[in-house]
PDB file of N, CA and C in Angstrom:
ATOM      1  N   MET A   1       0.827  -1.199   0.000  1.00  0.00           N
ATOM      2  CA  MET A   1       0.000   0.000   0.000  1.00  0.00           C
ATOM      3  C   MET A   1       0.865   1.254   0.000  1.00  0.00           C
ATOM      4  N   LYS A   2       1.906   1.260   0.848  1.00  0.00           N
ATOM      5  CA  LYS A   2       2.768   2.423   0.952  1.00  0.00           C
ATOM      6  C   LYS A   2       3.576   2.627  -0.332  1.00  0.00           C
ATOM      7  N   GLN A   3       4.010   1.539  -0.957  1.00  0.00           N
ATOM      8  CA  GLN A   3       4.758   1.650  -2.209  1.00  0.00           C
ATOM      9  C   GLN A   3       3.878   2.210  -3.323  1.00  0.00           C
ATOM     10  N   THR A   4       2.644   1.811  -3.352  1.00  0.00           N
ATOM     11  CA  THR A   4       1.707   2.312  -4.357  1.00  0.00           C
ATOM     12  C   THR A   4       1.476   3.803  -4.174  1.00  0.00           C
ATOM     13  N   LEU A   5       1.349   4.225  -2.937  1.00  0.00           N
ATOM     14  CA  LEU A   5       1.156   5.640  -2.643  1.00  0.00           C
ATOM     15  C   LEU A   5       2.384   6.457  -3.051  1.00  0.00           C
ATOM     16  N   ASN A   6       3.572   5.928  -2.766  1.00  0.00           N
ATOM     17  CA  ASN A   6       4.798   6.608  -3.176  1.00  0.00           C
ATOM     18  C   ASN A   6       4.898   6.710  -4.692  1.00  0.00           C
ATOM     19  N   LEU A   7       4.511   5.669  -5.386  1.00  0.00           N
ATOM     20  CA  LEU A   7       4.544   5.671  -6.844  1.00  0.00           C
ATOM     21  C   LEU A   7       3.568   6.703  -7.407  1.00  0.00           C
ATOM     22  N   VAL A   8       2.387   6.770  -6.833  1.00  0.00           N
ATOM     23  CA  VAL A   8       1.386   7.738  -7.278  1.00  0.00           C
ATOM     24  C   VAL A   8       1.886   9.160  -7.030  1.00  0.00           C
ATOM     25  N   MET A   9       2.472   9.418  -5.882  1.00  0.00           N
ATOM     26  CA  MET A   9       2.997  10.756  -5.579  1.00  0.00           C
ATOM     27  C   MET A   9       4.139  11.119  -6.523  1.00  0.00           C
ATOM     28  N   THR A  10       4.973  10.176  -6.857  1.00  0.00           N
ATOM     29  CA  THR A  10       6.077  10.423  -7.789  1.00  0.00           C
ATOM     30  C   THR A  10       5.538  10.767  -9.169  1.00  0.00           C
ATOM     31  N   VAL A  11       4.532  10.051  -9.617  1.00  0.00           N
ATOM     32  CA  VAL A  11       3.930  10.323 -10.922  1.00  0.00           C
ATOM     33  C   VAL A  11       3.279  11.707 -10.931  1.00  0.00           C
ATOM     34  N   ILE A  12       2.607  12.067  -9.861  1.00  0.00           N
ATOM     35  CA  ILE A  12       1.969  13.384  -9.771  1.00  0.00           C
ATOM     36  C   ILE A  12       3.020  14.487  -9.800  1.00  0.00           C
ATOM     37  N   ARG A  13       4.098  14.311  -9.066  1.00  0.00           N
ATOM     38  CA  ARG A  13       5.175  15.315  -9.073  1.00  0.00           C
ATOM     39  C   ARG A  13       5.805  15.435 -10.454  1.00  0.00           C
ATOM     40  N   PHE A  14       6.026  14.315 -11.105  1.00  0.00           N
ATOM     41  CA  PHE A  14       6.611  14.325 -12.445  1.00  0.00           C
ATOM     42  C   PHE A  14       5.695  15.056 -13.429  1.00  0.00           C
ATOM     43  N   CYS A  15       4.402  14.771 -13.373  1.00  0.00           N
ATOM     44  CA  CYS A  15       3.443  15.454 -14.241  1.00  0.00           C
ATOM     45  C   CYS A  15       3.406  16.952 -13.940  1.00  0.00           C
ATOM     46  N   ASN A  16       3.508  17.301 -12.690  1.00  0.00           N
ATOM     47  CA  ASN A  16       3.519  18.713 -12.286  1.00  0.00           C
ATOM     48  C   ASN A  16       4.730  19.435 -12.878  1.00  0.00           C
ATOM     49  N   VAL A  17       5.894  18.821 -12.820  1.00  0.00           N
ATOM     50  CA  VAL A  17       7.108  19.420 -13.376  1.00  0.00           C
ATOM     51  C   VAL A  17       6.984  19.574 -14.889  1.00  0.00           C
ATOM     52  N   ILE A  18       6.509  18.558 -15.561  1.00  0.00           N
ATOM     53  CA  ILE A  18       6.341  18.611 -17.019  1.00  0.00           C
ATOM     54  C   ILE A  18       5.349  19.703 -17.391  1.00  0.00           C
ATOM     55  N   LEU A  19       4.262  19.823 -16.650  1.00  0.00           N
ATOM     56  CA  LEU A  19       3.260  20.848 -16.917  1.00  0.00           C
ATOM     57  C   LEU A  19       3.840  22.250 -16.726  1.00  0.00           C
ATOM     58  N   ARG A  20       4.622  22.445 -15.677  1.00  0.00           N
ATOM     59  CA  ARG A  20       5.249  23.754 -15.439  1.00  0.00           C
ATOM     60  C   ARG A  20       6.233  24.105 -16.555  1.00  0.00           C
ATOM     61  N   ILE A  21       6.990  23.138 -17.017  1.00  0.00           N
ATOM     62  CA  ILE A  21       7.928  23.388 -18.113  1.00  0.00           C
ATOM     63  C   ILE A  21       7.177  23.762 -19.382  1.00  0.00           C
ATOM     64  N   LEU A  22       6.095  23.068 -19.670  1.00  0.00           N
ATOM     65  CA  LEU A  22       5.302  23.381 -20.866  1.00  0.00           C
ATOM     66  C   LEU A  22       4.678  24.776 -20.773  1.00  0.00           C
ATOM     67  N   ILE A  23       4.180  25.141 -19.604  1.00  0.00           N
ATOM     68  CA  ILE A  23       3.603  26.484 -19.424  1.00  0.00           C
ATOM     69  C   ILE A  23       4.685  27.539 -19.609  1.00  0.00           C
ATOM     70  N   PHE A  24       5.886  27.291 -19.083  1.00  0.00           N
ATOM     71  CA  PHE A  24       6.983  28.231 -19.247  1.00  0.00           C
ATOM     72  C   PHE A  24       7.349  28.388 -20.721  1.00  0.00           C
ATOM     73  N   ILE A  25       7.414  27.293 -21.459  1.00  0.00           N
ATOM     74  CA  ILE A  25       7.749  27.352 -22.887  1.00  0.00           C
ATOM     75  C   ILE A  25       6.691  28.123 -23.657  1.00  0.00           C
ATOM     76  N   VAL A  26       5.435  27.933 -23.315  1.00  0.00           N
ATOM     77  CA  VAL A  26       4.356  28.625 -24.009  1.00  0.00           C
ATOM     78  C   VAL A  26       4.367  30.118 -23.681  1.00  0.00           C
ATOM     79  N   LEU A  27       4.621  30.474 -22.429  1.00  0.00           N
ATOM     80  CA  LEU A  27       4.584  31.878 -22.014  1.00  0.00           C
ATOM     81  C   LEU A  27       5.875  32.647 -22.292  1.00  0.00           C
ATOM     82  N   LEU A  28       6.962  31.955 -22.593  1.00  0.00           N
ATOM     83  CA  LEU A  28       8.236  32.630 -22.813  1.00  0.00           C
ATOM     84  C   LEU A  28       8.186  33.664 -23.936  1.00  0.00           C
ATOM     85  N   PRO A  29       7.563  33.385 -25.090  1.00  0.00           N
ATOM     86  CA  PRO A  29       7.497  34.415 -26.133  1.00  0.00           C
ATOM     87  C   PRO A  29       6.696  35.650 -25.719  1.00  0.00           C
ATOM     88  N   VAL A  30       5.863  35.534 -24.727  1.00  0.00           N
ATOM     89  CA  VAL A  30       5.106  36.679 -24.229  1.00  0.00           C
ATOM     90  C   VAL A  30       5.898  37.411 -23.147  1.00  0.00           C
ATOM     91  N   LEU A  31       6.571  36.662 -22.305  1.00  0.00           N
ATOM     92  CA  LEU A  31       7.278  37.255 -21.172  1.00  0.00           C
ATOM     93  C   LEU A  31       8.510  38.058 -21.582  1.00  0.00           C
ATOM     94  N   VAL A  32       9.274  37.560 -22.518  1.00  0.00           N
ATOM     95  CA  VAL A  32      10.516  38.244 -22.894  1.00  0.00           C
ATOM     96  C   VAL A  32      10.244  39.633 -23.471  1.00  0.00           C
ATOM     97  N   PRO A  33       9.358  39.787 -24.456  1.00  0.00           N
ATOM     98  CA  PRO A  33       9.086  41.159 -24.937  1.00  0.00           C
ATOM     99  C   PRO A  33       8.478  42.053 -23.859  1.00  0.00           C
ATOM    100  N   TRP A  34       7.651  41.495 -23.002  1.00  0.00           N
ATOM    101  CA  TRP A  34       7.036  42.281 -21.936  1.00  0.00           C
ATOM    102  C   TRP A  34       8.104  42.815 -20.978  1.00  0.00           C
ATOM    103  N   ILE A  35       9.049  41.967 -20.590  1.00  0.00           N
ATOM    104  CA  ILE A  35      10.118  42.388 -19.690  1.00  0.00           C
ATOM    105  C   ILE A  35      11.007  43.427 -20.362  1.00  0.00           C
ATOM    106  N   LEU A  36      11.335  43.214 -21.632  1.00  0.00           N
ATOM    107  CA  LEU A  36      12.169  44.188 -22.347  1.00  0.00           C
ATOM    108  C   LEU A  36      11.463  45.530 -22.505  1.00  0.00           C
ATOM    109  N   LEU A  37      10.172  45.494 -22.768  1.00  0.00           N
ATOM    110  CA  LEU A  37       9.409  46.737 -22.896  1.00  0.00           C
ATOM    111  C   LEU A  37       9.362  47.482 -21.559  1.00  0.00           C
ATOM    112  N   ARG A  38       9.156  46.764 -20.488  1.00  0.00           N
ATOM    113  CA  ARG A  38       9.137  47.406 -19.165  1.00  0.00           C
ATOM    114  C   ARG A  38      10.492  47.978 -18.802  1.00  0.00           C
ATOM    115  N   LEU A  39      11.562  47.268 -19.166  1.00  0.00           N
ATOM    116  CA  LEU A  39      12.910  47.775 -18.905  1.00  0.00           C
ATOM    117  C   LEU A  39      13.164  49.044 -19.703  1.00  0.00           C
ATOM    118  N   TRP A  40      12.756  49.081 -20.963  1.00  0.00           N
ATOM    119  CA  TRP A  40      12.911  50.282 -21.786  1.00  0.00           C
ATOM    120  C   TRP A  40      12.131  51.448 -21.170  1.00  0.00           C
ATOM    121  N   TYR A  41      10.897  51.199 -20.748  1.00  0.00           N
ATOM    122  CA  TYR A  41      10.085  52.254 -20.160  1.00  0.00           C
ATOM    123  C   TYR A  41      10.695  52.747 -18.842  1.00  0.00           C
ATOM    124  N   PHE A  42      11.226  51.824 -18.044  1.00  0.00           N
ATOM    125  CA  PHE A  42      11.888  52.182 -16.792  1.00  0.00           C
ATOM    126  C   PHE A  42      13.058  53.121 -17.059  1.00  0.00           C
ATOM    127  N   ARG A  43      13.862  52.804 -18.058  1.00  0.00           N
ATOM    128  CA  ARG A  43      15.002  53.657 -18.407  1.00  0.00           C
ATOM    129  C   ARG A  43      14.534  55.005 -18.949  1.00  0.00           C
ATOM    130  N   PHE A  44      13.476  54.993 -19.753  1.00  0.00           N
ATOM    131  CA  PHE A  44      12.937  56.230 -20.316  1.00  0.00           C
ATOM    132  C   PHE A  44      12.475  57.180 -19.206  1.00  0.00           C
ATOM    133  N   VAL A  45      11.730  56.653 -18.257  1.00  0.00           N
ATOM    134  CA  VAL A  45      11.236  57.471 -17.143  1.00  0.00           C
ATOM    135  C   VAL A  45      12.397  57.926 -16.261  1.00  0.00           C
ATOM    136  N   LEU A  46      13.386  57.078 -16.084  1.00  0.00           N
ATOM    137  CA  LEU A  46      14.553  57.438 -15.296  1.00  0.00           C
ATOM    138  C   LEU A  46      15.279  58.634 -15.921  1.00  0.00           C
ATOM    139  N   VAL A  47      15.491  58.602 -17.236  1.00  0.00           N
ATOM    140  CA  VAL A  47      16.148  59.715 -17.927  1.00  0.00           C
ATOM    141  C   VAL A  47      15.294  60.970 -17.823  1.00  0.00           C
ATOM    142  N   LYS A  48      14.000  60.821 -18.019  1.00  0.00           N
ATOM    143  CA  LYS A  48      13.108  61.976 -17.956  1.00  0.00           C
ATOM    144  C   LYS A  48      13.139  62.624 -16.569  1.00  0.00           C
ATOM    145  N   ASN A  49      13.110  61.822 -15.531  1.00  0.00           N
ATOM    146  CA  ASN A  49      13.132  62.370 -14.171  1.00  0.00           C
ATOM    147  C   ASN A  49      14.478  63.004 -13.828  1.00  0.00           C
ATOM    148  N   MET A  50      15.552  62.401 -14.315  1.00  0.00           N
ATOM    149  CA  MET A  50      16.865  62.982 -14.026  1.00  0.00           C
ATOM    150  C   MET A  50      17.056  64.306 -14.764  1.00  0.00           C
ATOM    151  N   THR A  51      16.553  64.403 -15.994  1.00  0.00           N
ATOM    152  CA  THR A  51      16.679  65.675 -16.712  1.00  0.00           C
ATOM    153  C   THR A  51      15.782  66.744 -16.095  1.00  0.00           C
ATOM    154  N   ARG A  52      14.649  66.349 -15.563  1.00  0.00           N
ATOM    155  CA  ARG A  52      13.782  67.309 -14.863  1.00  0.00           C
ATOM    156  C   ARG A  52      14.447  67.872 -13.621  1.00  0.00           C
ATOM    157  N   SER A  53      15.244  67.030 -12.981  1.00  0.00           N
ATOM    158  CA  SER A  53      15.901  67.489 -11.748  1.00  0.00           C
ATOM    159  C   SER A  53      17.159  68.304 -12.026  1.00  0.00           C
ATOM    160  N   GLY A  54      17.515  68.458 -13.294  1.00  0.00           N
ATOM    161  CA  GLY A  54      18.625  69.339 -13.636  1.00  0.00           C
ATOM    162  C   GLY A  54      19.860  68.657 -14.182  1.00  0.00           C
ATOM    163  N   MET A  55      19.863  67.353 -14.302  1.00  0.00           N
ATOM    164  CA  MET A  55      21.028  66.656 -14.841  1.00  0.00           C
ATOM    165  C   MET A  55      21.040  66.792 -16.365  1.00  0.00           C
ATOM    166  N   PRO A  56      22.194  66.991 -16.964  1.00  0.00           N
ATOM    167  CA  PRO A  56      22.254  67.048 -18.425  1.00  0.00           C
ATOM    168  C   PRO A  56      21.800  65.723 -19.044  1.00  0.00           C
ATOM    169  N   LYS A  57      21.125  65.807 -20.184  1.00  0.00           N
ATOM    170  CA  LYS A  57      20.538  64.625 -20.818  1.00  0.00           C
ATOM    171  C   LYS A  57      21.604  63.587 -21.175  1.00  0.00           C
ATOM    172  N   LYS A  58      22.779  64.051 -21.580  1.00  0.00           N
ATOM    173  CA  LYS A  58      23.863  63.138 -21.947  1.00  0.00           C
ATOM    174  C   LYS A  58      24.237  62.236 -20.772  1.00  0.00           C
ATOM    175  N   TYR A  59      24.393  62.812 -19.596  1.00  0.00           N
ATOM    176  CA  TYR A  59      24.785  62.041 -18.416  1.00  0.00           C
ATOM    177  C   TYR A  59      23.631  61.174 -17.905  1.00  0.00           C
ATOM    178  N   ALA A  60      22.426  61.665 -18.045  1.00  0.00           N
ATOM    179  CA  ALA A  60      21.266  60.878 -17.621  1.00  0.00           C
ATOM    180  C   ALA A  60      21.136  59.617 -18.474  1.00  0.00           C
ATOM    181  N   LYS A  61      21.345  59.762 -19.789  1.00  0.00           N
ATOM    182  CA  LYS A  61      21.281  58.582 -20.665  1.00  0.00           C
ATOM    183  C   LYS A  61      22.393  57.601 -20.348  1.00  0.00           C
ATOM    184  N   GLN A  62      23.560  58.124 -20.036  1.00  0.00           N
ATOM    185  CA  GLN A  62      24.685  57.259 -19.691  1.00  0.00           C
ATOM    186  C   GLN A  62      24.383  56.462 -18.418  1.00  0.00           C
ATOM    187  N   LEU A  63      23.809  57.113 -17.423  1.00  0.00           N
ATOM    188  CA  LEU A  63      23.439  56.409 -16.191  1.00  0.00           C
ATOM    189  C   LEU A  63      22.324  55.395 -16.430  1.00  0.00           C
ATOM    190  N   ALA A  64      21.371  55.749 -17.287  1.00  0.00           N
ATOM    191  CA  ALA A  64      20.267  54.827 -17.569  1.00  0.00           C
ATOM    192  C   ALA A  64      20.762  53.581 -18.291  1.00  0.00           C
ATOM    193  N   ARG A  65      21.769  53.726 -19.153  1.00  0.00           N
ATOM    194  CA  ARG A  65      22.327  52.559 -19.839  1.00  0.00           C
ATOM    195  C   ARG A  65      22.995  51.595 -18.874  1.00  0.00           C
ATOM    196  N   GLU A  66      23.450  52.115 -17.755  1.00  0.00           N
ATOM    197  CA  GLU A  66      24.097  51.255 -16.761  1.00  0.00           C
ATOM    198  C   GLU A  66      23.090  50.505 -15.888  1.00  0.00           C
ATOM    199  N   THR A  67      21.826  50.810 -16.041  1.00  0.00           N
ATOM    200  CA  THR A  67      20.786  50.124 -15.278  1.00  0.00           C
ATOM    201  C   THR A  67      20.686  48.683 -15.758  1.00  0.00           C
ATOM    202  N   LYS A  68      20.803  47.766 -14.845  1.00  0.00           N
ATOM    203  CA  LYS A  68      20.748  46.343 -15.170  1.00  0.00           C
ATOM    204  C   LYS A  68      19.380  45.773 -14.808  1.00  0.00           C
ATOM    205  N   LEU A  69      19.149  44.553 -15.244  1.00  0.00           N
ATOM    206  CA  LEU A  69      17.867  43.898 -15.001  1.00  0.00           C
ATOM    207  C   LEU A  69      17.593  43.726 -13.511  1.00  0.00           C
ATOM    208  N   LYS A  70      18.615  43.453 -12.723  1.00  0.00           N
ATOM    209  CA  LYS A  70      18.384  43.260 -11.285  1.00  0.00           C
ATOM    210  C   LYS A  70      17.961  44.563 -10.604  1.00  0.00           C
ATOM    211  N   ASN A  71      18.428  45.729 -11.114  1.00  0.00           N
ATOM    212  CA  ASN A  71      17.972  47.000 -10.567  1.00  0.00           C
ATOM    213  C   ASN A  71      16.514  47.240 -10.933  1.00  0.00           C
ATOM    214  N   PHE A  72      16.161  46.833 -12.114  1.00  0.00           N
ATOM    215  CA  PHE A  72      14.806  47.014 -12.607  1.00  0.00           C
ATOM    216  C   PHE A  72      13.816  46.159 -11.820  1.00  0.00           C
ATOM    217  N   LEU A  73      14.208  44.944 -11.480  1.00  0.00           N
ATOM    218  CA  LEU A  73      13.308  44.029 -10.776  1.00  0.00           C
ATOM    219  C   LEU A  73      13.193  44.338  -9.297  1.00  0.00           C
ATOM    220  N   ARG A  74      14.049  45.217  -8.774  1.00  0.00           N
ATOM    221  CA  ARG A  74      14.012  45.686  -7.389  1.00  0.00           C
ATOM    222  C   ARG A  74      14.319  44.605  -6.355  1.00  0.00           C
ATOM    223  N   PHE A  75      14.996  43.559  -6.757  1.00  0.00           N
ATOM    224  CA  PHE A  75      15.498  42.598  -5.799  1.00  0.00           C
ATOM    225  C   PHE A  75      16.775  42.000  -6.357  1.00  0.00           C
ATOM    226  N   SER A  76      17.570  41.451  -5.486  1.00  0.00           N
ATOM    227  CA  SER A  76      18.874  40.949  -5.882  1.00  0.00           C
ATOM    228  C   SER A  76      18.768  39.523  -6.398  1.00  0.00           C
ATOM    229  N   ILE A  77      19.365  39.278  -7.553  1.00  0.00           N
ATOM    230  CA  ILE A  77      19.456  37.939  -8.108  1.00  0.00           C
ATOM    231  C   ILE A  77      20.930  37.554  -8.061  1.00  0.00           C
ATOM    232  N   PRO A  78      21.310  36.592  -7.233  1.00  0.00           N
ATOM    233  CA  PRO A  78      22.725  36.277  -7.065  1.00  0.00           C
ATOM    234  C   PRO A  78      23.431  35.869  -8.355  1.00  0.00           C
ATOM    235  N   ALA A  79      22.737  35.218  -9.281  1.00  0.00           N
ATOM    236  CA  ALA A  79      23.378  34.742 -10.505  1.00  0.00           C
ATOM    237  C   ALA A  79      23.658  35.872 -11.486  1.00  0.00           C
ATOM    238  N   LEU A  80      22.983  37.007 -11.368  1.00  0.00           N
ATOM    239  CA  LEU A  80      23.202  38.091 -12.325  1.00  0.00           C
ATOM    240  C   LEU A  80      24.275  38.996 -11.844  1.00  0.00           C
TER     241      LEU A  80
END
């Protein structure tokens, strides 16, 4: 009885992993452009706010180019 239950749980976990991978593959073409668009908008607003506060546009653009994805997401990703 216990072995059967373990086998059923293993099959359920395996199906869950496969389903998550398939959902990720399907959503990836939507997520990547969305993230890139948000990053572009974040940089655009950053430059606009810095120029409003008196910074020259040249330096504001230079600082915005240095903005990385981890700064945009507002949390630290150790691998990046």
